């Protein structure tokens, strides 16, 4: 195992600890209107709770055919953003069917969704995946999920960010949560920023 591979695995382990285990800091919610109202409705359809994290600012999400996101936040002047995509299981199945992606097991819809979304962000074929352990899934009342770390194509759509960490959570027969974090540095500040939004979403 090379030093680079060891470093990346250590990075992913720390990400899991900080992003998925750290306590939530925020209690502030934006008003249920405009952009957030649509997101709020999507949350209700898949039985999700959302707490808006302190220190973040709502921004306009990218919502195109290849990047259909519902909601987005940033930490101002921190080179850090999170985009969210919330779908019911029926919406996920239709989305994949429209792309001629056949899924034999509905309980693993998140895998095909993640792979499809990653391909829209990067031309590289290699990324680092880590399945979420049961105790993390229990914390979020999810049935399955994983994290994916990859390099981004240089693009104005993603504001020329260099790296992305995609987190997938799935509640069987209900739907999925996709959260993707953008950064230019994979150092302590990245972990600190993720920590601030660690528990903003949870299945009821």
N, C-alpha and C. Protein backbone atom coordinates (compact mmCIF):
# COMPACT_ATOMS: atom_id res chain seq x y z
N UNK A 1 0.84 -1.19 0.00
CA UNK A 1 0.00 0.00 0.00
C UNK A 1 0.88 1.25 0.00
N UNK A 2 0.65 2.14 -0.92
CA UNK A 2 1.48 3.33 -1.04
C UNK A 2 1.14 4.33 0.06
N UNK A 3 2.06 5.27 0.26
CA UNK A 3 1.81 6.31 1.26
C UNK A 3 0.62 7.16 0.90
N UNK A 4 0.43 7.39 -0.40
CA UNK A 4 -0.71 8.20 -0.87
C UNK A 4 -2.02 7.51 -0.55
N UNK A 5 -2.08 6.18 -0.81
CA UNK A 5 -3.30 5.43 -0.53
C UNK A 5 -3.61 5.43 0.96
N UNK A 6 -2.57 5.26 1.79
CA UNK A 6 -2.77 5.30 3.23
C UNK A 6 -3.29 6.66 3.68
N UNK A 7 -2.75 7.72 3.08
CA UNK A 7 -3.16 9.07 3.43
C UNK A 7 -4.62 9.31 3.08
N UNK A 8 -5.04 8.82 1.90
CA UNK A 8 -6.42 9.00 1.47
C UNK A 8 -7.38 8.23 2.36
N UNK A 9 -7.00 7.00 2.72
CA UNK A 9 -7.86 6.20 3.59
C UNK A 9 -8.00 6.87 4.96
N UNK A 10 -6.90 7.43 5.45
CA UNK A 10 -6.97 8.13 6.72
C UNK A 10 -7.87 9.35 6.60
N UNK A 11 -7.78 10.06 5.48
CA UNK A 11 -8.62 11.23 5.23
C UNK A 11 -10.10 10.84 5.28
N UNK A 12 -10.46 9.74 4.60
CA UNK A 12 -11.85 9.32 4.56
C UNK A 12 -12.35 8.92 5.94
N UNK A 13 -11.48 8.29 6.72
CA UNK A 13 -11.85 7.89 8.07
C UNK A 13 -12.15 9.12 8.93
N UNK A 14 -11.30 10.13 8.82
CA UNK A 14 -11.50 11.36 9.59
C UNK A 14 -12.77 12.07 9.13
N UNK A 15 -13.01 12.04 7.81
CA UNK A 15 -14.24 12.65 7.28
C UNK A 15 -15.47 12.01 7.90
N UNK A 16 -15.47 10.68 7.98
CA UNK A 16 -16.60 9.99 8.58
C UNK A 16 -16.82 10.42 10.02
N UNK A 17 -15.73 10.54 10.76
CA UNK A 17 -15.84 10.93 12.16
C UNK A 17 -16.40 12.34 12.31
N UNK A 18 -15.87 13.26 11.50
CA UNK A 18 -16.25 14.65 11.66
C UNK A 18 -17.60 14.99 11.03
N UNK A 19 -17.84 14.43 9.86
CA UNK A 19 -19.08 14.75 9.15
C UNK A 19 -20.28 14.02 9.72
N UNK A 20 -20.09 12.77 10.11
CA UNK A 20 -21.23 11.94 10.46
C UNK A 20 -21.39 11.67 11.95
N UNK A 21 -20.40 12.00 12.74
CA UNK A 21 -20.49 11.73 14.16
C UNK A 21 -20.57 13.00 14.98
N UNK A 22 -19.99 14.08 14.48
CA UNK A 22 -19.91 15.32 15.26
C UNK A 22 -21.28 15.86 15.57
N UNK A 23 -21.47 16.47 16.75
CA UNK A 23 -22.77 17.05 17.09
C UNK A 23 -23.07 18.28 16.26
N UNK A 24 -24.34 18.52 16.06
CA UNK A 24 -24.74 19.72 15.30
C UNK A 24 -24.58 20.95 16.16
N UNK A 25 -24.12 22.04 15.54
CA UNK A 25 -23.95 23.29 16.24
C UNK A 25 -25.14 24.21 16.04
N UNK A 26 -25.90 24.00 14.96
CA UNK A 26 -26.83 25.03 14.54
C UNK A 26 -28.24 24.78 15.00
N UNK A 27 -28.94 25.85 15.23
CA UNK A 27 -30.35 25.79 15.58
C UNK A 27 -31.17 26.78 14.76
N UNK A 28 -30.53 27.56 13.90
CA UNK A 28 -31.22 28.61 13.15
C UNK A 28 -31.84 28.05 11.88
N UNK A 29 -33.11 28.36 11.63
CA UNK A 29 -33.79 27.94 10.41
C UNK A 29 -34.15 29.16 9.59
N UNK A 30 -33.99 29.07 8.26
CA UNK A 30 -34.46 30.16 7.43
C UNK A 30 -35.98 30.15 7.38
N UNK A 31 -36.56 31.24 7.00
CA UNK A 31 -38.01 31.29 6.86
C UNK A 31 -38.46 30.32 5.78
N UNK A 32 -39.61 29.69 6.00
CA UNK A 32 -40.12 28.72 5.03
C UNK A 32 -40.79 29.47 3.89
N UNK A 33 -40.00 29.94 2.96
CA UNK A 33 -40.50 30.68 1.81
C UNK A 33 -39.50 30.54 0.67
N UNK A 34 -39.95 30.88 -0.53
CA UNK A 34 -39.06 30.87 -1.69
C UNK A 34 -38.37 29.55 -1.90
N UNK A 35 -37.07 29.63 -2.11
CA UNK A 35 -36.26 28.46 -2.40
C UNK A 35 -36.37 27.42 -1.30
N UNK A 36 -36.31 27.86 -0.05
CA UNK A 36 -36.35 26.90 1.04
C UNK A 36 -37.71 26.20 1.13
N UNK A 37 -38.78 26.88 0.72
CA UNK A 37 -40.09 26.26 0.76
C UNK A 37 -40.14 25.02 -0.12
N UNK A 38 -39.55 25.10 -1.33
CA UNK A 38 -39.51 23.93 -2.22
C UNK A 38 -38.69 22.81 -1.60
N UNK A 39 -37.57 23.18 -1.00
CA UNK A 39 -36.72 22.19 -0.33
C UNK A 39 -37.46 21.57 0.85
N UNK A 40 -38.16 22.41 1.59
CA UNK A 40 -38.93 21.95 2.75
C UNK A 40 -39.97 20.92 2.32
N UNK A 41 -40.62 21.15 1.21
CA UNK A 41 -41.61 20.20 0.70
C UNK A 41 -40.96 18.87 0.32
N UNK A 42 -39.76 18.94 -0.27
CA UNK A 42 -39.04 17.71 -0.63
C UNK A 42 -38.66 16.93 0.62
N UNK A 43 -38.26 17.64 1.66
CA UNK A 43 -37.91 16.98 2.92
C UNK A 43 -39.11 16.23 3.48
N UNK A 44 -40.27 16.86 3.42
CA UNK A 44 -41.48 16.25 3.97
C UNK A 44 -41.84 14.97 3.22
N UNK A 45 -41.60 14.93 1.93
CA UNK A 45 -41.96 13.77 1.12
C UNK A 45 -41.16 12.53 1.48
N UNK A 46 -39.95 12.72 2.00
CA UNK A 46 -39.13 11.55 2.39
C UNK A 46 -38.94 11.48 3.90
N UNK A 47 -39.75 12.26 4.64
CA UNK A 47 -39.76 12.18 6.10
C UNK A 47 -38.40 12.52 6.71
N UNK A 48 -37.90 13.70 6.35
CA UNK A 48 -36.59 14.16 6.82
C UNK A 48 -36.73 15.40 7.70
N UNK A 49 -35.86 15.47 8.70
CA UNK A 49 -35.70 16.69 9.49
C UNK A 49 -34.48 17.45 9.00
N UNK A 50 -34.57 18.78 8.99
CA UNK A 50 -33.44 19.60 8.57
C UNK A 50 -33.27 20.76 9.54
N UNK A 51 -32.04 20.97 10.01
CA UNK A 51 -31.70 22.09 10.87
C UNK A 51 -30.65 22.93 10.15
N UNK A 52 -30.97 24.20 9.91
CA UNK A 52 -30.04 25.04 9.17
C UNK A 52 -28.81 25.34 10.03
N UNK A 53 -27.60 25.05 9.52
CA UNK A 53 -26.39 25.21 10.34
C UNK A 53 -25.97 26.65 10.54
N UNK A 54 -25.53 26.95 11.73
CA UNK A 54 -25.03 28.28 12.05
C UNK A 54 -23.76 28.57 11.25
N UNK A 55 -23.64 29.79 10.77
CA UNK A 55 -22.46 30.20 10.02
C UNK A 55 -22.58 30.00 8.52
N UNK A 56 -23.68 29.38 8.07
CA UNK A 56 -23.90 29.14 6.65
C UNK A 56 -24.84 30.20 6.08
N UNK A 57 -24.81 30.31 4.76
CA UNK A 57 -25.68 31.22 4.04
C UNK A 57 -26.32 30.46 2.88
N UNK A 58 -27.61 30.63 2.72
CA UNK A 58 -28.31 29.99 1.61
C UNK A 58 -27.85 30.60 0.29
N UNK A 59 -27.57 29.74 -0.69
CA UNK A 59 -27.20 30.19 -2.03
C UNK A 59 -28.08 29.47 -3.05
N UNK A 60 -28.09 29.97 -4.26
CA UNK A 60 -28.90 29.36 -5.30
C UNK A 60 -28.29 28.05 -5.75
N UNK A 61 -29.06 26.97 -5.74
CA UNK A 61 -28.51 25.68 -6.16
C UNK A 61 -28.41 25.56 -7.67
N UNK A 62 -27.51 24.72 -8.13
CA UNK A 62 -27.44 24.38 -9.54
C UNK A 62 -28.52 23.35 -9.81
N UNK A 63 -29.37 23.60 -10.78
CA UNK A 63 -30.45 22.67 -11.08
C UNK A 63 -30.57 22.53 -12.60
N UNK A 64 -29.77 21.59 -13.13
CA UNK A 64 -29.78 21.30 -14.56
C UNK A 64 -30.11 19.82 -14.76
N UNK A 65 -30.21 19.41 -15.99
CA UNK A 65 -30.53 18.01 -16.27
C UNK A 65 -29.49 17.06 -15.67
N UNK A 66 -28.22 17.43 -15.75
CA UNK A 66 -27.17 16.56 -15.24
C UNK A 66 -26.83 16.82 -13.77
N UNK A 67 -27.22 18.01 -13.28
CA UNK A 67 -26.95 18.37 -11.88
C UNK A 67 -28.24 18.89 -11.24
N UNK A 68 -29.17 17.99 -10.95
CA UNK A 68 -30.48 18.41 -10.43
C UNK A 68 -30.50 18.54 -8.91
N UNK A 69 -30.00 19.65 -8.40
CA UNK A 69 -29.93 19.84 -6.95
C UNK A 69 -31.05 20.75 -6.47
N UNK A 70 -31.47 20.52 -5.21
CA UNK A 70 -32.63 21.19 -4.64
C UNK A 70 -32.29 22.39 -3.77
N UNK A 71 -31.14 22.34 -3.12
CA UNK A 71 -30.83 23.36 -2.12
C UNK A 71 -29.32 23.45 -1.96
N UNK A 72 -28.83 24.62 -1.56
CA UNK A 72 -27.38 24.79 -1.42
C UNK A 72 -27.06 25.82 -0.35
N UNK A 73 -25.92 25.63 0.29
CA UNK A 73 -25.46 26.54 1.33
C UNK A 73 -23.95 26.74 1.18
N UNK A 74 -23.47 27.84 1.71
CA UNK A 74 -22.04 28.09 1.75
C UNK A 74 -21.66 28.73 3.06
N UNK A 75 -20.37 28.61 3.41
CA UNK A 75 -19.82 29.40 4.49
C UNK A 75 -19.11 30.57 3.80
N UNK A 76 -19.59 31.77 3.96
CA UNK A 76 -19.00 32.92 3.24
C UNK A 76 -17.50 33.04 3.49
N UNK A 77 -16.76 33.27 2.41
CA UNK A 77 -15.31 33.49 2.45
C UNK A 77 -14.53 32.28 2.97
N UNK A 78 -15.11 31.09 2.87
CA UNK A 78 -14.42 29.90 3.38
C UNK A 78 -14.12 28.87 2.29
N UNK A 79 -14.49 29.15 1.03
CA UNK A 79 -14.30 28.17 -0.05
C UNK A 79 -14.91 26.83 0.32
N UNK A 80 -16.16 26.86 0.75
CA UNK A 80 -16.84 25.63 1.16
C UNK A 80 -18.33 25.77 0.89
N UNK A 81 -18.86 24.79 0.13
CA UNK A 81 -20.29 24.75 -0.18
C UNK A 81 -20.82 23.34 0.00
N UNK A 82 -22.13 23.25 0.25
CA UNK A 82 -22.83 21.97 0.27
C UNK A 82 -24.07 22.09 -0.59
N UNK A 83 -24.25 21.12 -1.50
CA UNK A 83 -25.45 21.04 -2.32
C UNK A 83 -26.24 19.81 -1.89
N UNK A 84 -27.56 19.95 -1.87
CA UNK A 84 -28.43 18.84 -1.47
C UNK A 84 -29.38 18.44 -2.60
N UNK A 85 -29.64 17.16 -2.62
CA UNK A 85 -30.63 16.61 -3.55
C UNK A 85 -31.45 15.58 -2.79
N UNK A 86 -32.76 15.79 -2.73
CA UNK A 86 -33.67 14.92 -1.99
C UNK A 86 -34.67 14.32 -2.97
N UNK A 87 -34.77 12.99 -3.00
CA UNK A 87 -35.70 12.33 -3.91
C UNK A 87 -36.45 11.22 -3.21
N UNK A 88 -37.72 11.05 -3.59
CA UNK A 88 -38.44 9.86 -3.16
C UNK A 88 -37.91 8.66 -3.94
N UNK A 89 -38.24 7.46 -3.49
CA UNK A 89 -37.78 6.27 -4.21
C UNK A 89 -38.35 6.24 -5.63
N UNK A 90 -39.60 6.64 -5.79
CA UNK A 90 -40.19 6.66 -7.13
C UNK A 90 -39.46 7.64 -8.04
N UNK A 91 -39.08 8.79 -7.50
CA UNK A 91 -38.33 9.77 -8.29
C UNK A 91 -36.96 9.22 -8.67
N UNK A 92 -36.31 8.53 -7.74
CA UNK A 92 -35.01 7.93 -8.03
C UNK A 92 -35.12 6.89 -9.14
N UNK A 93 -36.13 6.04 -9.04
CA UNK A 93 -36.32 4.98 -10.03
C UNK A 93 -36.60 5.57 -11.41
N UNK A 94 -37.42 6.61 -11.46
CA UNK A 94 -37.72 7.25 -12.74
C UNK A 94 -36.48 7.92 -13.32
N UNK A 95 -35.72 8.62 -12.46
CA UNK A 95 -34.50 9.30 -12.90
C UNK A 95 -33.53 8.31 -13.54
N UNK A 96 -33.33 7.18 -12.91
CA UNK A 96 -32.40 6.18 -13.45
C UNK A 96 -32.98 5.51 -14.69
N UNK A 97 -34.28 5.27 -14.69
CA UNK A 97 -34.91 4.65 -15.86
C UNK A 97 -34.80 5.54 -17.08
N UNK A 98 -34.98 6.85 -16.89
CA UNK A 98 -34.87 7.80 -17.99
C UNK A 98 -33.46 7.81 -18.58
N UNK A 99 -32.48 7.42 -17.78
CA UNK A 99 -31.10 7.36 -18.24
C UNK A 99 -30.70 5.95 -18.67
N UNK A 100 -31.69 5.07 -18.76
CA UNK A 100 -31.46 3.66 -19.14
C UNK A 100 -30.49 2.96 -18.20
N UNK A 101 -30.58 3.32 -16.92
CA UNK A 101 -29.79 2.65 -15.89
C UNK A 101 -30.72 1.69 -15.16
N UNK A 102 -30.45 0.39 -15.29
CA UNK A 102 -31.32 -0.62 -14.72
C UNK A 102 -30.84 -1.00 -13.32
N UNK A 103 -31.73 -0.94 -12.36
CA UNK A 103 -31.40 -1.30 -10.98
C UNK A 103 -32.24 -2.51 -10.58
N UNK A 104 -31.57 -3.60 -10.25
CA UNK A 104 -32.29 -4.83 -9.88
C UNK A 104 -32.71 -4.85 -8.42
N UNK A 105 -31.98 -4.11 -7.59
CA UNK A 105 -32.27 -4.10 -6.15
C UNK A 105 -32.58 -2.67 -5.69
N UNK A 106 -33.85 -2.37 -5.41
CA UNK A 106 -34.20 -1.00 -4.99
C UNK A 106 -33.47 -0.56 -3.73
N UNK A 107 -33.02 -1.52 -2.92
CA UNK A 107 -32.32 -1.17 -1.68
C UNK A 107 -30.90 -0.66 -1.93
N UNK A 108 -30.47 -0.69 -3.18
CA UNK A 108 -29.13 -0.15 -3.50
C UNK A 108 -29.22 0.93 -4.57
N UNK A 109 -30.35 1.62 -4.62
CA UNK A 109 -30.53 2.71 -5.57
C UNK A 109 -29.43 3.76 -5.43
N UNK A 110 -29.02 4.01 -4.21
CA UNK A 110 -28.04 5.08 -3.95
C UNK A 110 -26.74 4.87 -4.70
N UNK A 111 -26.36 3.59 -4.94
CA UNK A 111 -25.09 3.29 -5.61
C UNK A 111 -25.13 3.82 -7.05
N UNK A 112 -26.20 3.51 -7.78
CA UNK A 112 -26.32 3.97 -9.16
C UNK A 112 -26.47 5.49 -9.22
N UNK A 113 -27.20 6.05 -8.27
CA UNK A 113 -27.37 7.50 -8.23
C UNK A 113 -26.03 8.20 -8.01
N UNK A 114 -25.24 7.67 -7.09
CA UNK A 114 -23.94 8.27 -6.80
C UNK A 114 -23.01 8.17 -8.01
N UNK A 115 -22.96 7.01 -8.62
CA UNK A 115 -22.09 6.81 -9.78
C UNK A 115 -22.48 7.72 -10.93
N UNK A 116 -23.78 7.86 -11.15
CA UNK A 116 -24.24 8.75 -12.22
C UNK A 116 -23.87 10.20 -11.93
N UNK A 117 -24.03 10.62 -10.67
CA UNK A 117 -23.74 12.01 -10.33
C UNK A 117 -22.25 12.30 -10.39
N UNK A 118 -21.43 11.36 -9.95
CA UNK A 118 -19.98 11.54 -10.00
C UNK A 118 -19.51 11.73 -11.44
N UNK A 119 -20.10 10.96 -12.35
CA UNK A 119 -19.70 11.06 -13.75
C UNK A 119 -20.03 12.43 -14.34
N UNK A 120 -20.99 13.14 -13.74
CA UNK A 120 -21.32 14.49 -14.21
C UNK A 120 -20.36 15.54 -13.68
N UNK A 121 -19.60 15.17 -12.67
CA UNK A 121 -18.66 16.10 -12.04
C UNK A 121 -17.22 15.91 -12.47
N UNK A 122 -16.87 14.71 -12.88
CA UNK A 122 -15.47 14.43 -13.17
C UNK A 122 -15.32 13.45 -14.32
N UNK A 123 -14.26 13.61 -15.09
CA UNK A 123 -13.95 12.67 -16.17
C UNK A 123 -13.07 11.53 -15.66
N UNK A 124 -12.58 11.64 -14.43
CA UNK A 124 -11.74 10.58 -13.87
C UNK A 124 -12.60 9.38 -13.51
N UNK A 125 -12.03 8.20 -13.68
CA UNK A 125 -12.76 6.96 -13.42
C UNK A 125 -12.51 6.40 -12.02
N UNK A 126 -11.56 6.99 -11.32
CA UNK A 126 -11.18 6.48 -10.00
C UNK A 126 -11.69 7.43 -8.92
N UNK A 127 -12.35 6.88 -7.94
CA UNK A 127 -12.77 7.63 -6.76
C UNK A 127 -12.69 6.70 -5.56
N UNK A 128 -12.74 7.27 -4.39
CA UNK A 128 -12.58 6.49 -3.17
C UNK A 128 -13.92 6.41 -2.44
N UNK A 129 -14.41 5.19 -2.31
CA UNK A 129 -15.71 4.94 -1.71
C UNK A 129 -15.54 4.26 -0.35
N UNK A 130 -16.37 4.68 0.59
CA UNK A 130 -16.39 4.01 1.89
C UNK A 130 -17.84 3.82 2.31
N UNK A 131 -18.24 2.56 2.53
CA UNK A 131 -19.60 2.27 2.99
C UNK A 131 -19.77 2.78 4.42
N UNK A 132 -20.95 3.29 4.72
CA UNK A 132 -21.22 3.78 6.07
C UNK A 132 -21.52 2.61 7.00
N UNK A 133 -20.87 2.53 8.14
CA UNK A 133 -21.10 1.42 9.08
C UNK A 133 -22.46 1.53 9.74
N UNK A 134 -22.96 0.43 10.30
CA UNK A 134 -24.31 0.42 10.89
C UNK A 134 -24.54 1.48 11.96
N UNK A 135 -23.54 1.74 12.81
CA UNK A 135 -23.78 2.70 13.89
C UNK A 135 -23.97 4.12 13.34
N UNK A 136 -23.35 4.43 12.19
CA UNK A 136 -23.57 5.73 11.57
C UNK A 136 -24.96 5.78 10.94
N UNK A 137 -25.34 4.70 10.26
CA UNK A 137 -26.67 4.65 9.66
C UNK A 137 -27.76 4.78 10.72
N UNK A 138 -27.56 4.14 11.86
CA UNK A 138 -28.54 4.24 12.95
C UNK A 138 -28.68 5.68 13.43
N UNK A 139 -27.56 6.40 13.45
CA UNK A 139 -27.58 7.77 13.92
C UNK A 139 -28.47 8.65 13.03
N UNK A 140 -28.52 8.28 11.75
CA UNK A 140 -29.31 9.07 10.79
C UNK A 140 -30.62 8.39 10.40
N UNK A 141 -30.94 7.29 11.09
CA UNK A 141 -32.16 6.51 10.80
C UNK A 141 -32.20 6.10 9.33
N UNK A 142 -31.03 5.86 8.74
CA UNK A 142 -30.94 5.42 7.34
C UNK A 142 -30.69 3.92 7.28
N UNK A 143 -30.99 3.32 6.15
CA UNK A 143 -30.78 1.88 5.98
C UNK A 143 -29.45 1.55 5.34
N UNK A 144 -28.96 2.44 4.49
CA UNK A 144 -27.69 2.18 3.83
C UNK A 144 -27.13 3.50 3.30
N UNK A 145 -25.87 3.47 2.87
CA UNK A 145 -25.26 4.68 2.35
C UNK A 145 -23.76 4.55 2.23
N UNK A 146 -23.12 5.60 1.70
CA UNK A 146 -21.68 5.58 1.49
C UNK A 146 -21.18 7.00 1.27
N UNK A 147 -19.84 7.17 1.35
CA UNK A 147 -19.20 8.43 0.99
C UNK A 147 -18.28 8.19 -0.20
N UNK A 148 -18.13 9.22 -1.02
CA UNK A 148 -17.31 9.14 -2.23
C UNK A 148 -16.46 10.40 -2.31
N UNK A 149 -15.16 10.23 -2.40
CA UNK A 149 -14.23 11.35 -2.53
C UNK A 149 -13.63 11.33 -3.93
N UNK A 150 -13.64 12.49 -4.62
CA UNK A 150 -13.10 12.51 -5.98
C UNK A 150 -12.64 13.92 -6.34
N UNK A 151 -11.79 13.98 -7.37
CA UNK A 151 -11.33 15.25 -7.92
C UNK A 151 -12.36 15.77 -8.91
N UNK A 152 -12.53 17.07 -8.96
CA UNK A 152 -13.51 17.69 -9.86
C UNK A 152 -12.86 18.16 -11.15
N UNK A 153 -13.62 18.11 -12.24
CA UNK A 153 -13.20 18.80 -13.44
C UNK A 153 -13.20 20.30 -13.16
N UNK A 154 -12.29 21.02 -13.78
CA UNK A 154 -12.26 22.47 -13.62
C UNK A 154 -13.44 23.06 -14.40
N UNK A 155 -14.40 23.63 -13.68
CA UNK A 155 -15.62 24.09 -14.33
C UNK A 155 -16.19 25.31 -13.61
N UNK A 156 -16.70 26.29 -14.38
CA UNK A 156 -17.35 27.44 -13.74
C UNK A 156 -18.63 27.05 -13.01
N UNK A 157 -19.27 25.94 -13.42
CA UNK A 157 -20.50 25.50 -12.76
C UNK A 157 -20.25 25.17 -11.30
N UNK A 158 -19.09 24.56 -11.05
CA UNK A 158 -18.71 24.23 -9.67
C UNK A 158 -17.72 25.24 -9.10
N UNK A 159 -17.68 26.42 -9.73
CA UNK A 159 -16.87 27.55 -9.25
C UNK A 159 -15.39 27.19 -9.12
N UNK A 160 -14.96 26.26 -9.97
CA UNK A 160 -13.56 25.85 -10.05
C UNK A 160 -13.04 25.20 -8.76
N UNK A 161 -13.97 24.65 -7.97
CA UNK A 161 -13.53 23.87 -6.82
C UNK A 161 -12.72 22.67 -7.29
N UNK A 162 -11.81 22.22 -6.45
CA UNK A 162 -10.90 21.14 -6.83
C UNK A 162 -11.38 19.75 -6.40
N UNK A 163 -12.04 19.69 -5.23
CA UNK A 163 -12.39 18.38 -4.66
C UNK A 163 -13.85 18.36 -4.23
N UNK A 164 -14.40 17.15 -4.19
CA UNK A 164 -15.76 16.98 -3.72
C UNK A 164 -15.87 15.70 -2.89
N UNK A 165 -16.68 15.79 -1.87
CA UNK A 165 -17.04 14.61 -1.08
C UNK A 165 -18.54 14.46 -1.16
N UNK A 166 -18.99 13.35 -1.71
CA UNK A 166 -20.41 13.07 -1.87
C UNK A 166 -20.85 12.09 -0.80
N UNK A 167 -21.92 12.43 -0.09
CA UNK A 167 -22.48 11.56 0.95
C UNK A 167 -23.86 11.12 0.51
N UNK A 168 -24.09 9.81 0.50
CA UNK A 168 -25.39 9.26 0.14
C UNK A 168 -25.99 8.55 1.34
N UNK A 169 -27.27 8.84 1.62
CA UNK A 169 -28.04 8.13 2.63
C UNK A 169 -29.34 7.67 2.00
N UNK A 170 -29.72 6.44 2.29
CA UNK A 170 -30.95 5.90 1.72
C UNK A 170 -31.83 5.30 2.80
N UNK A 171 -33.12 5.63 2.75
CA UNK A 171 -34.14 5.02 3.58
C UNK A 171 -34.99 4.17 2.65
N UNK A 172 -34.93 2.85 2.82
CA UNK A 172 -35.61 1.95 1.90
C UNK A 172 -37.12 2.22 1.85
N UNK A 173 -37.67 2.16 0.64
CA UNK A 173 -39.08 2.40 0.36
C UNK A 173 -39.50 3.84 0.62
N UNK A 174 -38.51 4.69 0.89
CA UNK A 174 -38.81 6.09 1.18
C UNK A 174 -38.09 7.02 0.20
N UNK A 175 -36.75 7.02 0.22
CA UNK A 175 -36.02 7.89 -0.68
C UNK A 175 -34.56 8.03 -0.31
N UNK A 176 -33.90 9.01 -0.93
CA UNK A 176 -32.46 9.20 -0.72
C UNK A 176 -32.13 10.65 -0.43
N UNK A 177 -31.00 10.82 0.24
CA UNK A 177 -30.41 12.12 0.47
C UNK A 177 -29.03 12.11 -0.18
N UNK A 178 -28.77 13.10 -1.01
CA UNK A 178 -27.43 13.28 -1.58
C UNK A 178 -26.93 14.63 -1.09
N UNK A 179 -25.79 14.63 -0.43
CA UNK A 179 -25.15 15.88 0.00
C UNK A 179 -23.74 15.88 -0.55
N UNK A 180 -23.37 16.93 -1.26
CA UNK A 180 -22.03 16.99 -1.84
C UNK A 180 -21.33 18.26 -1.36
N UNK A 181 -20.14 18.06 -0.79
CA UNK A 181 -19.35 19.15 -0.22
C UNK A 181 -18.22 19.50 -1.18
N UNK A 182 -18.03 20.79 -1.41
CA UNK A 182 -16.99 21.27 -2.31
C UNK A 182 -15.93 22.02 -1.52
N UNK A 183 -14.66 21.81 -1.90
CA UNK A 183 -13.55 22.47 -1.22
C UNK A 183 -12.36 22.58 -2.16
N UNK A 184 -11.44 23.45 -1.81
CA UNK A 184 -10.18 23.56 -2.54
C UNK A 184 -9.01 22.98 -1.76
N UNK A 185 -9.24 22.73 -0.47
CA UNK A 185 -8.18 22.18 0.38
C UNK A 185 -8.76 21.06 1.23
N UNK A 186 -8.04 19.94 1.31
CA UNK A 186 -8.49 18.81 2.11
C UNK A 186 -7.75 18.80 3.45
N UNK A 187 -7.73 19.94 4.10
CA UNK A 187 -7.02 20.05 5.36
C UNK A 187 -7.95 20.28 6.53
N UNK A 188 -7.42 20.76 7.66
CA UNK A 188 -8.22 20.95 8.88
C UNK A 188 -9.43 21.85 8.71
N UNK A 189 -9.33 22.88 7.88
CA UNK A 189 -10.48 23.77 7.69
C UNK A 189 -11.65 23.04 7.04
N UNK A 190 -11.34 22.12 6.14
CA UNK A 190 -12.39 21.33 5.50
C UNK A 190 -13.15 20.52 6.55
N UNK A 191 -12.40 19.86 7.45
CA UNK A 191 -13.02 19.07 8.50
C UNK A 191 -13.85 19.96 9.43
N UNK A 192 -13.32 21.11 9.74
CA UNK A 192 -14.02 22.05 10.62
C UNK A 192 -15.33 22.51 10.00
N UNK A 193 -15.30 22.81 8.71
CA UNK A 193 -16.51 23.27 8.02
C UNK A 193 -17.55 22.16 7.92
N UNK A 194 -17.10 20.94 7.65
CA UNK A 194 -18.04 19.82 7.60
C UNK A 194 -18.65 19.58 8.97
N UNK A 195 -17.85 19.76 9.99
CA UNK A 195 -18.30 19.57 11.36
C UNK A 195 -19.51 20.46 11.67
N UNK A 196 -19.51 21.66 11.13
CA UNK A 196 -20.58 22.62 11.40
C UNK A 196 -21.93 22.16 10.83
N UNK A 197 -21.88 21.33 9.79
CA UNK A 197 -23.12 20.86 9.17
C UNK A 197 -23.35 19.38 9.38
N UNK A 198 -22.62 18.81 10.33
CA UNK A 198 -22.59 17.35 10.50
C UNK A 198 -23.92 16.68 10.66
N UNK A 199 -24.85 17.30 11.36
CA UNK A 199 -26.13 16.64 11.63
C UNK A 199 -27.32 17.46 11.16
N UNK A 200 -27.17 18.17 10.07
CA UNK A 200 -28.27 19.04 9.65
C UNK A 200 -29.43 18.27 9.04
N UNK A 201 -29.21 17.03 8.59
CA UNK A 201 -30.28 16.22 8.01
C UNK A 201 -30.38 14.87 8.72
N UNK A 202 -31.61 14.42 8.92
CA UNK A 202 -31.81 13.11 9.57
C UNK A 202 -33.20 12.59 9.23
N UNK A 203 -33.28 11.30 8.88
CA UNK A 203 -34.59 10.69 8.66
C UNK A 203 -35.32 10.58 10.00
N UNK A 204 -36.63 10.80 9.96
CA UNK A 204 -37.44 10.71 11.17
C UNK A 204 -37.64 9.26 11.58
